[in-house]
Amino acid sequence: MQRQLEVILGAILTVSRWLMVVLYVGLVGAIVVVGLEFFRELGAAFVGLGAASASTIVIVVLKLIDLVLIGHLAFILIISGLGVLRAAAVSKDQDIWSSLAEKTDLSAVKIRVIAAISAICSVDLLETFFDIHEYAKVDVLWKIATLLTFVVVGLLLVLMDRFARRVDG
């Protein structure tokens, strides 16, 4: 009886991973939205190029970089999700997508996600410095604190990963 329950529970858990497909498709939709926003911003930059100052151009470029980083973050999560979805049925003659998904372990995904979020915070903070007169000091300090928090978390994740490898290895 207990063995049958374990088999049924294992089957339910194995099939339930496919419920994540809906979320990954949603992330693909989010990448499309980010891409559309990227080209809208780029078009607006070309239209206003003649009257734009150097700092305005830098801000526009930083916004474009920010959008690319956000799209990259979603892509990282999608690729890592492929590893979960295809974990049970991979063969030696894999295509490039499944090999990408297999190379992305949970530890690497966490570090990449924190790195992408840190980069997004950095770009946002840099944009803030270009228009520093429009922000309250408290808001700027919160942005700096947020960035530093993500940097410290990233460093701690790397240290924990190295420690775990030494313990396991």
N, C-alpha and C. Protein backbone atom coordinates (compact mmCIF):
# COMPACT_ATOMS: atom_id res chain seq x y z
N MET A 1 0.82 -1.20 0.00
CA MET A 1 0.00 0.00 0.00
C MET A 1 0.86 1.26 0.00
N GLN A 2 1.89 1.27 0.87
CA GLN A 2 2.76 2.43 0.94
C GLN A 2 3.52 2.62 -0.37
N ARG A 3 3.95 1.54 -1.00
CA ARG A 3 4.67 1.61 -2.27
C ARG A 3 3.78 2.18 -3.36
N GLN A 4 2.50 1.79 -3.40
CA GLN A 4 1.57 2.32 -4.39
C GLN A 4 1.35 3.82 -4.18
N LEU A 5 1.25 4.22 -2.93
CA LEU A 5 1.08 5.64 -2.60
C LEU A 5 2.30 6.44 -3.05
N GLU A 6 3.50 5.87 -2.84
CA GLU A 6 4.72 6.55 -3.28
C GLU A 6 4.76 6.68 -4.79
N VAL A 7 4.35 5.65 -5.50
CA VAL A 7 4.33 5.68 -6.97
C VAL A 7 3.34 6.72 -7.47
N ILE A 8 2.15 6.75 -6.86
CA ILE A 8 1.13 7.72 -7.27
C ILE A 8 1.60 9.14 -6.96
N LEU A 9 2.15 9.36 -5.79
CA LEU A 9 2.64 10.68 -5.42
C LEU A 9 3.78 11.11 -6.34
N GLY A 10 4.68 10.19 -6.66
CA GLY A 10 5.77 10.49 -7.59
C GLY A 10 5.25 10.86 -8.96
N ALA A 11 4.22 10.14 -9.43
CA ALA A 11 3.65 10.45 -10.74
C ALA A 11 2.98 11.83 -10.75
N ILE A 12 2.28 12.14 -9.67
CA ILE A 12 1.62 13.46 -9.57
C ILE A 12 2.66 14.57 -9.58
N LEU A 13 3.72 14.39 -8.81
CA LEU A 13 4.77 15.41 -8.77
C LEU A 13 5.47 15.56 -10.11
N THR A 14 5.70 14.44 -10.80
CA THR A 14 6.35 14.50 -12.11
C THR A 14 5.48 15.22 -13.13
N VAL A 15 4.21 14.95 -13.13
CA VAL A 15 3.30 15.59 -14.08
C VAL A 15 3.07 17.06 -13.72
N SER A 16 3.10 17.37 -12.43
CA SER A 16 2.81 18.75 -12.00
C SER A 16 3.84 19.75 -12.50
N ARG A 17 5.04 19.30 -12.81
CA ARG A 17 6.04 20.25 -13.33
C ARG A 17 5.59 20.87 -14.64
N TRP A 18 4.72 20.18 -15.37
CA TRP A 18 4.23 20.72 -16.65
C TRP A 18 3.26 21.88 -16.43
N LEU A 19 2.76 22.06 -15.21
CA LEU A 19 1.92 23.22 -14.93
C LEU A 19 2.71 24.52 -15.07
N MET A 20 4.02 24.42 -14.91
CA MET A 20 4.89 25.59 -15.05
C MET A 20 4.94 26.11 -16.49
N VAL A 21 4.56 25.29 -17.45
CA VAL A 21 4.58 25.71 -18.85
C VAL A 21 3.78 27.00 -19.04
N VAL A 22 2.66 27.11 -18.37
CA VAL A 22 1.82 28.31 -18.48
C VAL A 22 2.61 29.54 -18.05
N LEU A 23 3.36 29.42 -16.97
CA LEU A 23 4.15 30.54 -16.48
C LEU A 23 5.29 30.89 -17.44
N TYR A 24 5.93 29.87 -18.03
CA TYR A 24 7.01 30.14 -18.98
C TYR A 24 6.48 30.79 -20.25
N VAL A 25 5.30 30.38 -20.69
CA VAL A 25 4.68 31.04 -21.85
C VAL A 25 4.37 32.50 -21.49
N GLY A 26 3.94 32.73 -20.26
CA GLY A 26 3.72 34.10 -19.81
C GLY A 26 5.00 34.91 -19.84
N LEU A 27 6.13 34.30 -19.46
CA LEU A 27 7.41 35.00 -19.52
C LEU A 27 7.82 35.30 -20.96
N VAL A 28 7.49 34.40 -21.88
CA VAL A 28 7.76 34.69 -23.29
C VAL A 28 6.93 35.91 -23.71
N GLY A 29 5.68 35.96 -23.27
CA GLY A 29 4.85 37.14 -23.55
C GLY A 29 5.44 38.40 -22.94
N ALA A 30 6.01 38.28 -21.74
CA ALA A 30 6.64 39.43 -21.10
C ALA A 30 7.85 39.90 -21.90
N ILE A 31 8.61 38.96 -22.47
CA ILE A 31 9.75 39.34 -23.30
C ILE A 31 9.27 40.08 -24.54
N VAL A 32 8.16 39.65 -25.12
CA VAL A 32 7.59 40.35 -26.28
C VAL A 32 7.20 41.78 -25.89
N VAL A 33 6.56 41.93 -24.74
CA VAL A 33 6.17 43.27 -24.27
C VAL A 33 7.41 44.14 -24.05
N VAL A 34 8.44 43.58 -23.42
CA VAL A 34 9.68 44.33 -23.20
C VAL A 34 10.31 44.70 -24.54
N GLY A 35 10.28 43.79 -25.50
CA GLY A 35 10.82 44.08 -26.84
C GLY A 35 10.06 45.20 -27.53
N LEU A 36 8.75 45.19 -27.41
CA LEU A 36 7.95 46.26 -28.00
C LEU A 36 8.27 47.60 -27.34
N GLU A 37 8.40 47.60 -26.02
CA GLU A 37 8.75 48.83 -25.31
C GLU A 37 10.14 49.31 -25.72
N PHE A 38 11.07 48.37 -25.92
CA PHE A 38 12.41 48.72 -26.37
C PHE A 38 12.35 49.48 -27.69
N PHE A 39 11.62 48.94 -28.65
CA PHE A 39 11.55 49.59 -29.96
C PHE A 39 10.74 50.88 -29.92
N ARG A 40 9.77 50.99 -29.02
CA ARG A 40 9.05 52.25 -28.85
C ARG A 40 9.99 53.33 -28.32
N GLU A 41 10.79 52.97 -27.30
CA GLU A 41 11.77 53.91 -26.75
C GLU A 41 12.82 54.28 -27.80
N LEU A 42 13.27 53.30 -28.57
CA LEU A 42 14.27 53.56 -29.61
C LEU A 42 13.71 54.49 -30.68
N GLY A 43 12.46 54.25 -31.08
CA GLY A 43 11.82 55.13 -32.07
C GLY A 43 11.68 56.55 -31.54
N ALA A 44 11.28 56.67 -30.27
CA ALA A 44 11.15 58.01 -29.68
C ALA A 44 12.51 58.69 -29.60
N ALA A 45 13.56 57.92 -29.38
CA ALA A 45 14.91 58.50 -29.32
C ALA A 45 15.32 59.04 -30.69
N PHE A 46 15.00 58.30 -31.74
CA PHE A 46 15.34 58.77 -33.08
C PHE A 46 14.56 60.02 -33.45
N VAL A 47 13.29 60.07 -33.04
CA VAL A 47 12.45 61.23 -33.35
C VAL A 47 12.98 62.48 -32.64
N GLY A 48 13.37 62.35 -31.40
CA GLY A 48 13.82 63.50 -30.63
C GLY A 48 15.32 63.70 -30.64
N LEU A 49 16.03 63.03 -31.53
CA LEU A 49 17.49 63.06 -31.54
C LEU A 49 18.05 64.46 -31.77
N GLY A 50 17.43 65.23 -32.63
CA GLY A 50 17.96 66.55 -32.95
C GLY A 50 17.93 67.52 -31.80
N ALA A 51 16.93 67.43 -30.95
CA ALA A 51 16.78 68.38 -29.84
C ALA A 51 17.32 67.83 -28.52
N ALA A 52 17.85 66.61 -28.53
CA ALA A 52 18.28 65.97 -27.28
C ALA A 52 19.68 66.42 -26.88
N SER A 53 19.85 66.59 -25.58
CA SER A 53 21.18 66.90 -25.03
C SER A 53 21.95 65.60 -24.84
N ALA A 54 23.21 65.73 -24.55
CA ALA A 54 24.04 64.54 -24.34
C ALA A 54 23.54 63.71 -23.16
N SER A 55 23.15 64.38 -22.08
CA SER A 55 22.67 63.62 -20.92
C SER A 55 21.34 62.93 -21.22
N THR A 56 20.49 63.55 -22.04
CA THR A 56 19.24 62.91 -22.43
C THR A 56 19.50 61.66 -23.26
N ILE A 57 20.47 61.73 -24.15
CA ILE A 57 20.82 60.56 -24.96
C ILE A 57 21.35 59.44 -24.08
N VAL A 58 22.17 59.80 -23.10
CA VAL A 58 22.69 58.78 -22.18
C VAL A 58 21.56 58.13 -21.41
N ILE A 59 20.60 58.92 -20.95
CA ILE A 59 19.45 58.38 -20.21
C ILE A 59 18.64 57.44 -21.09
N VAL A 60 18.43 57.81 -22.34
CA VAL A 60 17.69 56.94 -23.26
C VAL A 60 18.43 55.63 -23.47
N VAL A 61 19.74 55.71 -23.66
CA VAL A 61 20.53 54.49 -23.84
C VAL A 61 20.46 53.62 -22.58
N LEU A 62 20.52 54.25 -21.41
CA LEU A 62 20.42 53.49 -20.17
C LEU A 62 19.05 52.83 -20.04
N LYS A 63 18.00 53.50 -20.47
CA LYS A 63 16.67 52.88 -20.45
C LYS A 63 16.62 51.68 -21.38
N LEU A 64 17.25 51.79 -22.55
CA LEU A 64 17.28 50.67 -23.48
C LEU A 64 18.06 49.49 -22.88
N ILE A 65 19.19 49.80 -22.24
CA ILE A 65 19.97 48.75 -21.58
C ILE A 65 19.16 48.10 -20.47
N ASP A 66 18.43 48.91 -19.73
CA ASP A 66 17.57 48.40 -18.66
C ASP A 66 16.54 47.41 -19.22
N LEU A 67 15.93 47.76 -20.33
CA LEU A 67 14.94 46.87 -20.94
C LEU A 67 15.58 45.56 -21.42
N VAL A 68 16.78 45.66 -21.98
CA VAL A 68 17.49 44.45 -22.42
C VAL A 68 17.79 43.56 -21.22
N LEU A 69 18.23 44.15 -20.12
CA LEU A 69 18.53 43.37 -18.92
C LEU A 69 17.28 42.69 -18.36
N ILE A 70 16.16 43.38 -18.40
CA ILE A 70 14.91 42.79 -17.93
C ILE A 70 14.51 41.61 -18.82
N GLY A 71 14.64 41.78 -20.13
CA GLY A 71 14.37 40.67 -21.04
C GLY A 71 15.32 39.50 -20.81
N HIS A 72 16.58 39.81 -20.54
CA HIS A 72 17.57 38.78 -20.27
C HIS A 72 17.23 38.01 -19.00
N LEU A 73 16.76 38.70 -17.99
CA LEU A 73 16.36 38.06 -16.75
C LEU A 73 15.23 37.06 -17.00
N ALA A 74 14.23 37.46 -17.76
CA ALA A 74 13.13 36.55 -18.09
C ALA A 74 13.64 35.36 -18.89
N PHE A 75 14.57 35.61 -19.82
CA PHE A 75 15.13 34.53 -20.64
C PHE A 75 15.90 33.53 -19.78
N ILE A 76 16.66 34.02 -18.80
CA ILE A 76 17.40 33.13 -17.90
C ILE A 76 16.42 32.19 -17.19
N LEU A 77 15.32 32.74 -16.72
CA LEU A 77 14.34 31.91 -16.01
C LEU A 77 13.68 30.89 -16.94
N ILE A 78 13.42 31.29 -18.17
CA ILE A 78 12.82 30.35 -19.14
C ILE A 78 13.78 29.21 -19.43
N ILE A 79 15.03 29.53 -19.71
CA ILE A 79 16.01 28.50 -20.03
C ILE A 79 16.22 27.55 -18.85
N SER A 80 16.29 28.10 -17.65
CA SER A 80 16.47 27.23 -16.49
C SER A 80 15.23 26.35 -16.29
N GLY A 81 14.06 26.88 -16.63
CA GLY A 81 12.84 26.08 -16.54
C GLY A 81 12.82 24.93 -17.52
N LEU A 82 13.47 25.11 -18.66
CA LEU A 82 13.53 24.01 -19.63
C LEU A 82 14.23 22.79 -19.03
N GLY A 83 15.21 23.04 -18.18
CA GLY A 83 15.91 21.93 -17.53
C GLY A 83 14.98 21.13 -16.64
N VAL A 84 14.07 21.82 -15.97
CA VAL A 84 13.11 21.13 -15.11
C VAL A 84 12.11 20.35 -15.95
N LEU A 85 11.63 20.97 -17.02
CA LEU A 85 10.61 20.32 -17.84
C LEU A 85 11.15 19.13 -18.62
N ARG A 86 12.41 19.18 -19.01
CA ARG A 86 12.95 18.12 -19.85
C ARG A 86 13.86 17.18 -19.09
N ALA A 87 13.92 17.32 -17.78
CA ALA A 87 14.87 16.54 -16.98
C ALA A 87 14.65 15.04 -17.12
N ALA A 88 13.43 14.61 -17.22
CA ALA A 88 13.15 13.18 -17.23
C ALA A 88 13.38 12.54 -18.59
N ALA A 89 13.30 13.31 -19.65
CA ALA A 89 13.36 12.72 -20.98
C ALA A 89 14.38 13.41 -21.86
N VAL A 90 15.66 13.24 -21.56
CA VAL A 90 16.70 13.79 -22.42
C VAL A 90 17.56 12.66 -22.93
N SER A 91 17.99 12.80 -24.15
CA SER A 91 18.84 11.78 -24.73
C SER A 91 20.22 12.36 -24.99
N LYS A 92 21.12 11.52 -25.41
CA LYS A 92 22.49 11.97 -25.66
C LYS A 92 22.58 12.87 -26.89
N ASP A 93 21.69 12.72 -27.85
CA ASP A 93 21.70 13.57 -29.05
C ASP A 93 20.74 14.73 -28.86
N GLN A 94 21.06 15.60 -27.91
CA GLN A 94 20.19 16.71 -27.53
C GLN A 94 20.36 17.88 -28.49
N ASP A 95 19.32 18.67 -28.54
CA ASP A 95 19.42 19.91 -29.30
C ASP A 95 20.02 20.98 -28.40
N ILE A 96 20.28 22.15 -28.95
CA ILE A 96 20.97 23.21 -28.21
C ILE A 96 20.17 23.69 -27.00
N TRP A 97 18.85 23.70 -27.11
CA TRP A 97 18.03 24.23 -26.01
C TRP A 97 18.11 23.34 -24.79
N SER A 98 18.04 22.04 -24.99
CA SER A 98 18.10 21.16 -23.82
C SER A 98 19.49 21.16 -23.22
N SER A 99 20.53 21.31 -24.05
CA SER A 99 21.88 21.36 -23.48
C SER A 99 22.07 22.65 -22.69
N LEU A 100 21.48 23.76 -23.16
CA LEU A 100 21.54 25.02 -22.40
C LEU A 100 20.82 24.86 -21.06
N ALA A 101 19.67 24.22 -21.10
CA ALA A 101 18.89 24.05 -19.88
C ALA A 101 19.63 23.16 -18.89
N GLU A 102 20.29 22.12 -19.36
CA GLU A 102 21.00 21.22 -18.46
C GLU A 102 22.20 21.90 -17.81
N LYS A 103 22.86 22.82 -18.52
CA LYS A 103 24.04 23.48 -17.98
C LYS A 103 23.68 24.50 -16.92
N THR A 104 22.42 24.84 -16.78
CA THR A 104 22.00 25.86 -15.83
C THR A 104 21.45 25.17 -14.59
N ASP A 105 22.30 25.05 -13.58
CA ASP A 105 21.83 24.46 -12.33
C ASP A 105 21.23 25.56 -11.45
N LEU A 106 20.60 25.16 -10.36
CA LEU A 106 19.89 26.10 -9.50
C LEU A 106 20.82 27.15 -8.93
N SER A 107 22.00 26.75 -8.54
CA SER A 107 22.96 27.70 -7.98
C SER A 107 23.35 28.76 -9.00
N ALA A 108 23.62 28.34 -10.22
CA ALA A 108 23.98 29.29 -11.28
C ALA A 108 22.82 30.22 -11.60
N VAL A 109 21.60 29.68 -11.59
CA VAL A 109 20.43 30.51 -11.86
C VAL A 109 20.27 31.59 -10.80
N LYS A 110 20.43 31.21 -9.53
CA LYS A 110 20.30 32.20 -8.45
C LYS A 110 21.32 33.32 -8.63
N ILE A 111 22.55 32.96 -8.93
CA ILE A 111 23.60 33.96 -9.08
C ILE A 111 23.33 34.84 -10.30
N ARG A 112 22.88 34.24 -11.39
CA ARG A 112 22.58 35.02 -12.60
C ARG A 112 21.41 35.96 -12.38
N VAL A 113 20.40 35.49 -11.67
CA VAL A 113 19.24 36.34 -11.40
C VAL A 113 19.64 37.52 -10.53
N ILE A 114 20.41 37.27 -9.48
CA ILE A 114 20.87 38.37 -8.61
C ILE A 114 21.76 39.33 -9.40
N ALA A 115 22.62 38.78 -10.26
CA ALA A 115 23.49 39.64 -11.08
C ALA A 115 22.66 40.51 -12.02
N ALA A 116 21.63 39.93 -12.63
CA ALA A 116 20.78 40.71 -13.54
C ALA A 116 20.01 41.78 -12.78
N ILE A 117 19.49 41.44 -11.61
CA ILE A 117 18.76 42.43 -10.81
C ILE A 117 19.71 43.54 -10.35
N SER A 118 20.92 43.16 -9.97
CA SER A 118 21.91 44.17 -9.57
C SER A 118 22.24 45.10 -10.73
N ALA A 119 22.36 44.54 -11.92
CA ALA A 119 22.65 45.36 -13.09
C ALA A 119 21.48 46.30 -13.39
N ILE A 120 20.26 45.81 -13.24
CA ILE A 120 19.08 46.65 -13.46
C ILE A 120 19.05 47.78 -12.44
N CYS A 121 19.34 47.46 -11.17
CA CYS A 121 19.40 48.50 -10.13
C CYS A 121 20.50 49.51 -10.42
N SER A 122 21.64 49.02 -10.91
CA SER A 122 22.75 49.92 -11.24
C SER A 122 22.37 50.89 -12.34
N VAL A 123 21.72 50.39 -13.37
CA VAL A 123 21.29 51.26 -14.47
C VAL A 123 20.28 52.27 -13.97
N ASP A 124 19.34 51.83 -13.14
CA ASP A 124 18.35 52.74 -12.58
C ASP A 124 19.01 53.83 -11.73
N LEU A 125 20.00 53.43 -10.94
CA LEU A 125 20.71 54.41 -10.11
C LEU A 125 21.50 55.39 -10.97
N LEU A 126 22.10 54.90 -12.04
CA LEU A 126 22.83 55.78 -12.95
C LEU A 126 21.89 56.78 -13.62
N GLU A 127 20.71 56.32 -14.02
CA GLU A 127 19.70 57.23 -14.56
C GLU A 127 19.33 58.30 -13.52
N THR A 128 19.21 57.89 -12.28
CA THR A 128 18.87 58.82 -11.20
C THR A 128 19.94 59.91 -11.06
N PHE A 129 21.21 59.51 -11.16
CA PHE A 129 22.28 60.49 -11.01
C PHE A 129 22.27 61.53 -12.12
N PHE A 130 21.78 61.17 -13.29
CA PHE A 130 21.70 62.15 -14.37
C PHE A 130 20.62 63.20 -14.13
N ASP A 131 19.60 62.82 -13.38
CA ASP A 131 18.53 63.76 -13.02
C ASP A 131 18.43 63.90 -11.50
N ILE A 132 19.56 63.98 -10.84
CA ILE A 132 19.61 63.96 -9.38
C ILE A 132 18.78 65.08 -8.75
N HIS A 133 18.68 66.20 -9.42
CA HIS A 133 17.93 67.33 -8.87
C HIS A 133 16.43 67.07 -8.79
N GLU A 134 15.94 66.05 -9.49
CA GLU A 134 14.52 65.72 -9.48
C GLU A 134 14.15 64.74 -8.35
N TYR A 135 15.12 64.24 -7.63
CA TYR A 135 14.87 63.22 -6.62
C TYR A 135 15.17 63.75 -5.22
N ALA A 136 14.42 63.27 -4.27
CA ALA A 136 14.71 63.58 -2.86
C ALA A 136 15.91 62.74 -2.43
N LYS A 137 16.67 63.27 -1.49
CA LYS A 137 17.86 62.56 -1.02
C LYS A 137 17.50 61.18 -0.47
N VAL A 138 16.38 61.09 0.20
CA VAL A 138 15.95 59.81 0.78
C VAL A 138 15.72 58.78 -0.32
N ASP A 139 15.11 59.20 -1.42
CA ASP A 139 14.87 58.27 -2.53
C ASP A 139 16.18 57.76 -3.13
N VAL A 140 17.14 58.65 -3.28
CA VAL A 140 18.45 58.25 -3.82
C VAL A 140 19.14 57.29 -2.85
N LEU A 141 19.06 57.59 -1.57
CA LEU A 141 19.67 56.70 -0.58
C LEU A 141 19.02 55.32 -0.59
N TRP A 142 17.71 55.27 -0.77
CA TRP A 142 17.03 53.98 -0.85
C TRP A 142 17.48 53.19 -2.08
N LYS A 143 17.68 53.89 -3.19
CA LYS A 143 18.16 53.20 -4.40
C LYS A 143 19.57 52.66 -4.19
N ILE A 144 20.41 53.45 -3.53
CA ILE A 144 21.77 52.98 -3.24
C ILE A 144 21.73 51.79 -2.29
N ALA A 145 20.89 51.88 -1.27
CA ALA A 145 20.76 50.77 -0.30
C ALA A 145 20.25 49.50 -0.99
N THR A 146 19.30 49.66 -1.90
CA THR A 146 18.77 48.50 -2.63
C THR A 146 19.86 47.85 -3.46
N LEU A 147 20.61 48.66 -4.19
CA LEU A 147 21.70 48.13 -5.00
C LEU A 147 22.72 47.41 -4.13
N LEU A 148 23.13 48.04 -3.05
CA LEU A 148 24.12 47.42 -2.16
C LEU A 148 23.60 46.12 -1.55
N THR A 149 22.31 46.08 -1.25
CA THR A 149 21.71 44.85 -0.72
C THR A 149 21.82 43.72 -1.73
N PHE A 150 21.49 43.99 -2.99
CA PHE A 150 21.59 42.95 -4.02
C PHE A 150 23.04 42.53 -4.24
N VAL A 151 23.97 43.47 -4.19
CA VAL A 151 25.38 43.12 -4.35
C VAL A 151 25.83 42.22 -3.20
N VAL A 152 25.46 42.56 -1.97
CA VAL A 152 25.85 41.74 -0.82
C VAL A 152 25.20 40.36 -0.91
N VAL A 153 23.93 40.31 -1.29
CA VAL A 153 23.26 39.01 -1.44
C VAL A 153 23.97 38.18 -2.50
N GLY A 154 24.34 38.80 -3.61
CA GLY A 154 25.06 38.08 -4.66
C GLY A 154 26.38 37.52 -4.17
N LEU A 155 27.12 38.33 -3.44
CA LEU A 155 28.39 37.87 -2.90
C LEU A 155 28.19 36.72 -1.91
N LEU A 156 27.18 36.84 -1.07
CA LEU A 156 26.89 35.77 -0.11
C LEU A 156 26.48 34.48 -0.82
N LEU A 157 25.71 34.59 -1.90
CA LEU A 157 25.33 33.39 -2.66
C LEU A 157 26.55 32.71 -3.26
N VAL A 158 27.47 33.50 -3.79
CA VAL A 158 28.69 32.93 -4.35
C VAL A 158 29.51 32.25 -3.26
N LEU A 159 29.64 32.90 -2.11
CA LEU A 159 30.39 32.30 -1.00
C LEU A 159 29.73 31.02 -0.50
N MET A 160 28.40 31.03 -0.38
CA MET A 160 27.70 29.83 0.06
C MET A 160 27.86 28.70 -0.95
N ASP A 161 27.83 29.03 -2.24
CA ASP A 161 28.01 28.02 -3.28
C ASP A 161 29.40 27.40 -3.19
N ARG A 162 30.42 28.23 -3.02
CA ARG A 162 31.79 27.71 -2.88
C ARG A 162 31.93 26.85 -1.62
N PHE A 163 31.33 27.30 -0.52
CA PHE A 163 31.37 26.53 0.72
C PHE A 163 30.69 25.18 0.53
N ALA A 164 29.54 25.17 -0.13
CA ALA A 164 28.82 23.91 -0.36
C ALA A 164 29.61 22.96 -1.24
N ARG A 165 30.31 23.49 -2.22
CA ARG A 165 31.14 22.63 -3.08
C ARG A 165 32.29 22.00 -2.29
N ARG A 166 32.87 22.76 -1.35
CA ARG A 166 33.94 22.21 -0.54
C ARG A 166 33.43 21.13 0.39
N VAL A 167 32.25 21.35 0.96
CA VAL A 167 31.66 20.36 1.86
C VAL A 167 31.28 19.09 1.09
N ASP A 168 30.69 19.26 -0.10
CA ASP A 168 30.26 18.10 -0.90
C ASP A 168 31.43 17.41 -1.58
N GLY A 169 32.46 18.17 -1.89
CA GLY A 169 33.51 17.67 -2.75
C GLY A 169 34.63 16.99 -2.17
